[in-house]
Structures are given as C-alpha cells and as structure tokens.
Amino acid sequence: MHTDSVEGRGIQISLFLSLSLSLCLTDVMFILLVPTLLISATSSVCRAEDPVCVLEGSSKWLDVPEYQDLQFNTMFWNFNNDESVLEYSHKFKDLTVYKAFKDKVEFSQTNFSLLLKSMQAGDSGLYTAKIIDANGKIKHVAKHRLSVKEAVPKPQVRVELLSSERGYCNVSVNCSAKDTWATYTCDLTHCTQVQSTPSPSAINITVTATNGSILCESSNCASTSSQSASIEDHCSVSPMAPPPGLSACQLKAVLFSLGLVAMVSAVIAVNVRGGSCRMK
C-alpha cells in the first residue's frame, strides 16, 4: 500500500511538471510572437516618409505606391496631418477638393496621386494619403515630405595668386552664393577645401579644377548654378622660365658676357693670324 501511494504521487508530480513545462513553452512562444504581430500590424498601417524636393514655381505629382492593390471606400489627402486637401469616394466616384486647395491641386482617379501646381515655399510640408476600408479601418498609403526651394543664384568667384614658380601655380579660390561661401586652394588640376560656412538655406558649394580652369558650383536639392574662371589668368607661368636662382637680368648679363668674350677671342685670333702671315 505504501509503495502504491509513492508511485501515485510520482505520477502526479510528473504530470504536473509536464503540464508546467508545456505552459511555459506556450508562454515563451506567445511572448516571441507578439512583437512579430505588432511589427506586422504597424507596417500595414504606418509608412515611411518619402522626401521630395522641387523647384519653386514648378508642379509635382505625389504618387500612391501599390495603388493597384488598394481596396477602400474613401480616400483622403491631408497636409501636415491637420488640414484636409481632398476627399474621394471610390464607390461613387465623388471628389471633394477643399477651398484652400481648390486651384492648387488635381487628383487622378486612376492611380489616386495628387498633383501640386505652381508650388511656393509655403507649400512645403508633409502630404499624407489615407484610406478607410469596408471595415472602417484607417490605413496610411502614402507620405511625402515636400521641400520647395528657390533656384540657387549664380555663384561669385574670387581668385588670388599664392605662388607661381618653376611651371607650378597655386591659387586661393573663394566661391560664394547667397548666404554661404567656401575657400579652396587649387593648382591646374586639383582643388582642396580649406574652409566653409554652413548655409541656412541648404546651399552646397564645390570647386574643381581641370586643365587650368576653375569651376565653382552652387546647388541645393532642386537646382544647380555654376561660374568658371581661368587659373592661368592669375599665374605668371612661362614655358621658357629661367633656371632656379637666376633672374632675367642676370641671364641677360651672362649672355652679354659670353658674347663679349667670343668677340674678344675672335679679334685676338685674327690679329695672331695676321702677324704670322707678315713674318712669312
């Protein structure tokens, strides 16, 4: 009897441990599965912003990715999340463009994209497309972060000679545009940046040199402008430059001395030859 009791208790303990282990494994699997479900749900609802840069005064279509697969009752385009641009009923093909955007946008009922016309700096911001499906769920299907930029002005270039000797020329180049500038040192084929200032209007400046010509470029995400200058106009590089340490005046003196020595030698030679002829 005592033995049967012990065996019974052993079986109960084994069953308890098995059940506990099974529950623990289930909990672990659930814990591992929850983040995956959350990520999946989030990715289906949220969408990363697409950066878009355009030139002031131009027009731009904002697309809806994978529009062919969309199933919805109503679509909305919003500006900066809190201002409605338009509302479109897919079922009834009914479009409502709100007053503030009446003359500024167009809508494609084929691919659901939004056309922004003649954009100005105040049109910069976040444009979001979202849909409401048959179950009343809201889903974001497009996000575009729009930046409207002015055309960059033509840069100004100033070149100053640093050194010029033995066929080598080195200059300092300052290139400026609107609210920024950059300084480079250049030779006939290469430039190295020395200093620059950050631009509040996000203008970038680069300077390059090719075959004795300097090219200064100013650019933003929407446009580029350039100005060129010649390095050779600022350098006194001569292919017939005198040897190192010998100036032009010194070279003339040496040549004159050599010429004088040659003339004296010729006179002496003629006189010696004439004396020899008379002695004969």
Protein backbone atom coordinates (compact mmCIF):
# COMPACT_ATOMS: atom_id res chain seq x y z
CA MET A 1 0.00 0.00 0.00
CA HIS A 2 2.79 2.38 0.89
CA THR A 3 4.58 1.61 -2.37
CA ASP A 4 1.43 2.25 -4.44
CA SER A 5 0.98 5.58 -2.70
CA VAL A 6 4.54 6.62 -3.54
CA GLU A 7 4.16 5.59 -7.17
CA GLY A 8 0.88 7.53 -7.42
CA ARG A 9 2.47 10.61 -6.07
CA GLY A 10 5.37 10.24 -8.53
CA ILE A 11 2.96 10.05 -11.43
CA GLN A 12 1.13 13.17 -10.20
CA ILE A 13 4.41 15.06 -9.89
CA SER A 14 5.46 14.00 -13.41
CA LEU A 15 2.12 15.12 -14.86
CA PHE A 16 2.41 18.43 -13.02
CA LEU A 17 5.93 19.05 -14.32
CA SER A 18 4.91 18.14 -17.88
CA LEU A 19 1.92 20.48 -17.73
CA SER A 20 4.04 23.30 -16.27
CA LEU A 21 6.69 22.84 -18.97
CA SER A 22 4.02 22.87 -21.68
CA LEU A 23 2.54 26.10 -20.30
CA CYS A 24 5.98 27.71 -20.07
CA LEU A 25 6.76 26.85 -23.69
CA THR A 26 3.39 28.24 -24.74
CA ASP A 27 4.08 31.48 -22.86
CA VAL A 28 7.53 31.79 -24.43
CA MET A 29 6.12 31.25 -27.91
CA PHE A 30 3.42 33.84 -27.25
CA ILE A 31 5.97 36.38 -25.98
CA LEU A 32 8.12 35.84 -29.08
CA LEU A 33 5.11 36.04 -31.38
CA VAL A 34 3.64 39.29 -30.00
CA PRO A 35 6.43 41.61 -31.30
CA THR A 36 6.14 40.00 -34.73
CA LEU A 37 2.40 40.60 -34.79
CA LEU A 38 2.87 44.17 -33.62
CA ILE A 39 5.52 44.87 -36.26
CA SER A 40 3.31 43.33 -38.95
CA ALA A 41 0.31 45.38 -37.86
CA THR A 42 2.37 48.54 -37.63
CA SER A 43 3.91 48.09 -41.09
CA SER A 44 0.48 47.66 -42.62
CA VAL A 45 -0.73 50.91 -41.07
CA CYS A 46 2.37 53.14 -40.99
CA ARG A 47 4.50 54.16 -43.95
CA ALA A 48 7.88 55.87 -44.08
CA GLU A 49 8.08 59.42 -45.36
CA ASP A 50 9.30 59.90 -48.91
CA PRO A 51 11.48 63.05 -49.22
CA VAL A 52 10.61 65.17 -52.27
CA CYS A 53 12.48 68.32 -53.35
CA VAL A 54 11.10 70.61 -56.06
CA LEU A 55 11.89 73.98 -57.59
CA GLU A 56 9.73 76.92 -56.63
CA GLY A 57 7.06 77.59 -59.26
CA SER A 58 7.07 74.03 -60.62
CA SER A 59 4.44 71.27 -60.34
CA LYS A 60 4.77 67.77 -58.91
CA TRP A 61 2.72 64.56 -58.77
CA LEU A 62 2.73 62.80 -55.39
CA ASP A 63 2.21 59.09 -56.05
CA VAL A 64 0.48 56.35 -54.08
CA PRO A 65 2.65 53.19 -54.10
CA GLU A 66 0.94 49.88 -54.96
CA TYR A 67 -2.31 51.67 -55.76
CA GLN A 68 -3.44 48.68 -57.86
CA ASP A 69 -3.95 46.57 -54.72
CA LEU A 70 -5.93 49.11 -52.72
CA GLN A 71 -9.44 48.21 -51.60
CA PHE A 72 -11.23 51.12 -49.93
CA ASN A 73 -14.41 53.15 -49.63
CA THR A 74 -12.93 56.62 -49.08
CA MET A 75 -9.52 58.25 -49.58
CA PHE A 76 -8.22 61.45 -48.01
CA TRP A 77 -5.19 63.60 -48.87
CA ASN A 78 -4.05 65.74 -45.91
CA PHE A 79 -1.47 68.50 -45.46
CA ASN A 80 0.63 68.45 -42.27
CA ASN A 81 -1.87 65.96 -40.76
CA ASP A 82 -4.32 68.63 -39.62
CA GLU A 83 -5.50 70.19 -42.91
CA SER A 84 -7.67 68.34 -45.45
CA VAL A 85 -6.75 68.71 -49.11
CA LEU A 86 -9.44 66.49 -50.67
CA GLU A 87 -11.80 63.59 -50.09
CA TYR A 88 -12.59 60.91 -52.69
CA SER A 89 -15.38 58.33 -52.57
CA HIS A 90 -14.23 55.32 -54.56
CA LYS A 91 -17.65 53.71 -54.71
CA PHE A 92 -19.49 56.75 -56.03
CA LYS A 93 -16.51 58.34 -57.89
CA ASP A 94 -17.23 61.54 -55.99
CA LEU A 95 -14.38 64.05 -55.43
CA THR A 96 -14.37 66.97 -53.00
CA VAL A 97 -11.44 69.42 -53.07
CA TYR A 98 -11.43 71.75 -50.08
CA LYS A 99 -11.45 75.51 -50.54
CA ALA A 100 -7.84 76.28 -49.56
CA PHE A 101 -6.58 73.90 -52.28
CA LYS A 102 -9.26 74.47 -54.93
CA ASP A 103 -6.92 75.97 -57.56
CA LYS A 104 -3.70 74.40 -56.35
CA VAL A 105 -4.22 70.64 -56.81
CA GLU A 106 -5.51 67.98 -59.18
CA PHE A 107 -6.41 64.36 -58.39
CA SER A 108 -6.06 61.24 -60.52
CA GLN A 109 -8.96 58.81 -60.11
CA THR A 110 -6.85 56.19 -61.90
CA ASN A 111 -3.83 55.95 -59.57
CA PHE A 112 -5.07 58.25 -56.75
CA SER A 113 -2.00 60.52 -56.98
CA LEU A 114 -2.09 64.23 -56.11
CA LEU A 115 -0.76 66.99 -58.38
CA LEU A 116 0.54 70.12 -56.66
CA LYS A 117 0.67 73.09 -59.06
CA SER A 118 2.92 76.19 -59.11
CA MET A 119 4.34 75.44 -55.69
CA GLN A 120 5.71 78.11 -53.36
CA ALA A 121 7.78 77.94 -50.17
CA GLY A 122 4.60 77.85 -48.05
CA ASP A 123 3.59 74.59 -49.72
CA SER A 124 6.48 72.74 -48.06
CA GLY A 125 5.39 70.14 -45.54
CA LEU A 126 4.01 66.62 -45.09
CA TYR A 127 1.39 65.32 -47.54
CA THR A 128 -0.38 62.15 -46.44
CA ALA A 129 -2.82 59.86 -48.24
CA LYS A 130 -5.01 57.57 -46.13
CA ILE A 131 -7.92 55.26 -46.86
CA ILE A 132 -10.89 53.86 -44.96
CA ASP A 133 -11.74 50.28 -45.91
CA ALA A 134 -15.05 48.44 -45.79
CA ASN A 135 -14.45 47.52 -42.13
CA GLY A 136 -13.89 51.14 -41.11
CA LYS A 137 -10.15 50.71 -40.58
CA ILE A 138 -7.84 53.63 -41.41
CA LYS A 139 -4.60 52.96 -43.27
CA HIS A 140 -1.88 55.38 -44.43
CA VAL A 141 -0.89 54.56 -48.01
CA ALA A 142 1.44 57.45 -48.90
CA LYS A 143 3.59 60.01 -47.07
CA HIS A 144 5.61 62.66 -48.90
CA ARG A 145 7.81 65.22 -47.11
CA LEU A 146 7.91 68.07 -49.63
CA SER A 147 10.58 70.80 -49.73
CA VAL A 148 10.06 73.72 -52.13
CA LYS A 149 13.34 75.51 -52.90
CA GLU A 150 14.30 78.69 -54.75
CA ALA A 151 16.66 78.39 -57.71
CA VAL A 152 20.20 78.88 -56.42
CA PRO A 153 21.88 82.13 -57.57
CA LYS A 154 24.94 82.18 -59.83
CA PRO A 155 28.00 81.94 -57.57
CA GLN A 156 30.66 84.64 -57.31
CA VAL A 157 34.30 83.59 -57.75
CA ARG A 158 37.40 85.38 -56.47
CA VAL A 159 40.87 84.03 -57.33
CA GLU A 160 44.12 85.14 -55.66
CA LEU A 161 47.65 84.01 -56.53
CA LEU A 162 49.50 82.15 -53.79
CA SER A 163 52.64 81.03 -55.65
CA SER A 164 53.93 80.64 -59.19
CA GLU A 165 57.37 79.23 -59.95
CA ARG A 166 59.09 76.54 -61.96
CA GLY A 167 55.98 75.88 -64.03
CA TYR A 168 53.79 75.35 -60.95
CA CYS A 169 50.89 77.63 -59.99
CA ASN A 170 48.90 77.63 -56.75
CA VAL A 171 45.88 79.89 -56.14
CA SER A 172 43.28 80.57 -53.45
CA VAL A 173 39.66 80.42 -54.65
CA ASN A 174 36.71 81.88 -52.76
CA CYS A 175 33.29 80.82 -54.08
CA SER A 176 30.16 82.39 -52.57
CA ALA A 177 26.40 82.19 -53.16
CA LYS A 178 23.61 83.85 -51.19
CA ASP A 179 24.23 83.01 -47.51
CA THR A 180 27.27 80.75 -47.75
CA TRP A 181 30.84 80.58 -49.07
CA ALA A 182 33.79 78.20 -49.29
CA THR A 183 37.54 78.65 -49.77
CA TYR A 184 39.72 76.23 -51.72
CA THR A 185 43.37 76.03 -52.76
CA CYS A 186 43.83 74.91 -56.36
CA ASP A 187 46.56 74.09 -58.83
CA LEU A 188 45.99 73.47 -62.54
CA THR A 189 44.21 70.13 -61.99
CA HIS A 190 43.15 69.76 -58.35
CA CYS A 191 41.35 71.67 -55.57
CA THR A 192 41.28 71.13 -51.81
CA GLN A 193 38.72 72.72 -49.48
CA VAL A 194 40.23 74.90 -46.76
CA GLN A 195 37.19 76.48 -45.08
CA SER A 196 33.42 76.77 -45.49
CA THR A 197 30.35 78.13 -43.71
CA PRO A 198 27.02 76.33 -43.13
CA SER A 199 24.11 77.60 -45.22
CA PRO A 200 20.74 78.37 -43.59
CA SER A 201 19.12 77.87 -47.00
CA ALA A 202 20.86 74.48 -47.55
CA ILE A 203 23.10 75.60 -50.44
CA ASN A 204 26.18 73.48 -51.15
CA ILE A 205 29.35 74.83 -52.77
CA THR A 206 32.01 72.80 -54.59
CA VAL A 207 35.11 73.93 -56.50
CA THR A 208 37.02 71.83 -59.04
CA ALA A 209 39.93 72.46 -61.41
CA THR A 210 40.52 70.93 -64.84
CA ASN A 211 43.24 71.89 -67.36
CA GLY A 212 43.81 75.29 -65.81
CA SER A 213 40.12 76.18 -65.49
CA ILE A 214 38.27 76.57 -62.18
CA LEU A 215 34.60 75.61 -61.89
CA CYS A 216 32.57 76.85 -58.91
CA GLU A 217 29.14 75.25 -58.41
CA SER A 218 26.35 76.24 -56.03
CA SER A 219 23.48 73.78 -55.60
CA ASN A 220 20.52 72.74 -53.48
CA CYS A 221 18.28 69.69 -53.80
CA ALA A 222 16.33 71.30 -56.66
CA SER A 223 18.81 73.25 -58.84
CA THR A 224 22.47 73.94 -59.70
CA SER A 225 24.31 77.01 -60.97
CA SER A 226 27.99 77.48 -61.87
CA GLN A 227 30.67 80.04 -62.67
CA SER A 228 34.12 79.43 -64.15
CA ALA A 229 37.46 81.25 -64.02
CA SER A 230 40.91 80.70 -65.53
CA ILE A 231 43.86 79.93 -63.27
CA GLU A 232 46.34 80.93 -65.99
CA ASP A 233 44.98 84.49 -65.96
CA HIS A 234 46.34 84.83 -62.42
CA CYS A 235 49.63 82.95 -62.85
CA SER A 236 52.94 84.08 -64.38
CA VAL A 237 53.91 80.62 -65.55
CA SER A 238 56.25 80.66 -68.59
CA PRO A 239 57.45 77.59 -70.50
CA MET A 240 60.82 79.34 -71.02
CA ALA A 241 61.33 80.26 -67.38
CA PRO A 242 64.98 80.85 -66.36
CA PRO A 243 66.78 78.27 -64.22
CA PRO A 244 66.15 78.40 -60.47
CA GLY A 245 68.13 81.17 -58.70
CA LEU A 246 68.83 83.10 -61.97
CA SER A 247 66.74 86.18 -62.73
CA ALA A 248 66.05 87.54 -66.20
CA CYS A 249 68.51 90.41 -65.72
CA GLN A 250 71.20 88.01 -64.56
CA LEU A 251 70.56 85.83 -67.59
CA LYS A 252 70.99 88.81 -69.90
CA ALA A 253 74.26 89.75 -68.18
CA VAL A 254 75.59 86.21 -68.60
CA LEU A 255 74.66 86.13 -72.28
CA PHE A 256 76.22 89.56 -72.85
CA SER A 257 79.42 88.46 -71.11
CA LEU A 258 79.61 85.31 -73.21
CA GLY A 259 79.09 87.35 -76.35
CA LEU A 260 81.79 89.82 -75.35
CA VAL A 261 84.26 87.01 -74.63
CA ALA A 262 83.52 85.49 -78.03
CA MET A 263 84.12 88.83 -79.80
CA VAL A 264 87.43 89.44 -78.00
CA SER A 265 88.56 85.91 -78.76
CA ALA A 266 87.76 86.42 -82.44
CA VAL A 267 89.74 89.69 -82.58
CA ILE A 268 92.74 88.11 -80.90
CA ALA A 269 92.61 85.15 -83.29
CA VAL A 270 92.54 87.46 -86.34
CA ASN A 271 95.48 89.52 -85.06
CA VAL A 272 97.55 86.42 -84.31
CA ARG A 273 96.86 85.04 -87.76
CA GLY A 274 97.81 88.40 -89.41
CA GLY A 275 101.13 88.58 -87.52
CA SER A 276 102.03 85.11 -88.61
CA CYS A 277 101.41 85.97 -92.27
CA ARG A 278 103.69 89.08 -92.11
CA MET A 279 106.57 87.11 -90.57
CA LYS A 280 106.47 84.77 -93.51
